[in-house]
Amino acid sequence: MAFADTFKALSDPVRREILQLLKSGKMSAGEIGSHFNMTGATVSYHLKILKKADLIWETKVKNYVYYELNTSVVEELLLWLKDLKGE
């Protein structure tokens, strides 16, 4: 895991909110974008950063792309933080 990419992705409140939305399950970019007052291009930019950090996965189904949370990266980050804390 590239911690730099992960922390960069998590540093933005919009991206953290996207991750919160994806806790419920798969969503299309349009469904994600409907929760924000921003252009589709801006939503795509945030999704690109999250994908680069492996925090989300994308699945293509016909003409749609669905995004879902990659919890394994979150678990790895939590283990690293726990180790850093010394527990």
Protein backbone atom coordinates (compact mmCIF):
# COMPACT_ATOMS: atom_id res chain seq x y z
CA MET A 1 0.00 0.00 0.00
CA ALA A 2 1.23 3.49 -0.82
CA PHE A 3 0.51 5.45 2.35
CA ALA A 4 1.13 8.75 0.53
CA ASP A 5 -1.71 8.05 -1.90
CA THR A 6 -3.97 6.85 0.90
CA PHE A 7 -3.41 9.88 3.10
CA LYS A 8 -3.77 12.24 0.13
CA ALA A 9 -7.11 10.64 -0.72
CA LEU A 10 -8.32 10.81 2.87
CA SER A 11 -7.24 14.43 3.30
CA ASP A 12 -10.18 15.76 1.30
CA PRO A 13 -13.62 15.98 2.97
CA VAL A 14 -15.46 15.26 -0.29
CA ARG A 15 -13.53 12.02 -0.77
CA ARG A 16 -14.18 11.02 2.83
CA GLU A 17 -17.89 11.62 2.24
CA ILE A 18 -17.76 9.48 -0.91
CA LEU A 19 -16.28 6.67 1.18
CA GLN A 20 -19.10 7.10 3.69
CA LEU A 21 -21.64 6.80 0.88
CA LEU A 22 -20.01 3.63 -0.39
CA LYS A 23 -20.29 1.95 3.02
CA SER A 24 -23.87 1.16 1.99
CA GLY A 25 -22.81 -0.69 -1.14
CA LYS A 26 -22.07 -0.19 -4.83
CA MET A 27 -23.02 3.10 -6.46
CA SER A 28 -22.63 4.56 -9.94
CA ALA A 29 -20.79 7.83 -10.48
CA GLY A 30 -24.15 9.51 -11.15
CA GLU A 31 -25.58 8.25 -7.87
CA ILE A 32 -22.48 9.48 -6.02
CA GLY A 33 -22.59 12.83 -7.82
CA SER A 34 -26.23 13.39 -6.89
CA HIS A 35 -25.10 13.87 -3.27
CA PHE A 36 -22.85 16.81 -4.16
CA ASN A 37 -23.18 20.20 -5.80
CA MET A 38 -20.35 19.74 -8.31
CA THR A 39 -19.79 18.82 -11.93
CA GLY A 40 -19.48 15.26 -13.13
CA ALA A 41 -15.85 15.97 -14.03
CA THR A 42 -15.11 16.96 -10.44
CA VAL A 43 -16.75 13.81 -9.11
CA SER A 44 -14.68 11.78 -11.59
CA TYR A 45 -11.52 13.51 -10.36
CA HIS A 46 -12.29 12.52 -6.75
CA LEU A 47 -13.10 8.94 -7.79
CA LYS A 48 -9.79 8.77 -9.69
CA ILE A 49 -7.85 9.80 -6.55
CA LEU A 50 -9.72 7.20 -4.46
CA LYS A 51 -9.03 4.49 -7.07
CA LYS A 52 -5.33 5.40 -7.20
CA ALA A 53 -5.18 4.92 -3.42
CA ASP A 54 -7.02 1.56 -3.81
CA LEU A 55 -9.71 2.78 -1.42
CA ILE A 56 -12.40 1.97 -3.99
CA TRP A 57 -12.89 -0.51 -6.82
CA GLU A 58 -14.78 -0.03 -10.03
CA THR A 59 -16.87 -2.61 -11.84
CA LYS A 60 -18.19 -2.09 -15.35
CA VAL A 61 -21.64 -3.44 -16.14
CA LYS A 62 -22.80 -2.70 -19.68
CA ASN A 63 -22.79 1.12 -19.99
CA TYR A 64 -22.39 1.78 -16.26
CA VAL A 65 -19.43 1.90 -13.89
CA TYR A 66 -20.11 1.04 -10.27
CA TYR A 67 -17.84 1.89 -7.37
CA GLU A 68 -17.49 0.09 -4.07
CA LEU A 69 -15.40 0.44 -0.94
CA ASN A 70 -12.18 -1.59 -0.67
CA THR A 71 -12.15 -2.37 3.03
CA SER A 72 -8.85 -4.30 2.90
CA VAL A 73 -6.89 -1.05 2.48
CA VAL A 74 -8.78 0.50 5.38
CA GLU A 75 -7.98 -2.55 7.52
CA GLU A 76 -4.29 -2.37 6.57
CA LEU A 77 -4.19 1.32 7.47
CA LEU A 78 -5.85 0.62 10.84
CA LEU A 79 -3.33 -2.13 11.59
CA TRP A 80 -0.45 0.20 10.76
CA LEU A 81 -1.87 2.95 13.00
CA LYS A 82 -2.46 0.47 15.81
CA ASP A 83 1.14 -0.73 15.51
CA LEU A 84 2.38 2.85 15.47
CA LYS A 85 0.45 3.52 18.68
CA GLY A 86 2.10 0.48 20.23
CA GLU A 87 -0.89 -1.69 21.05
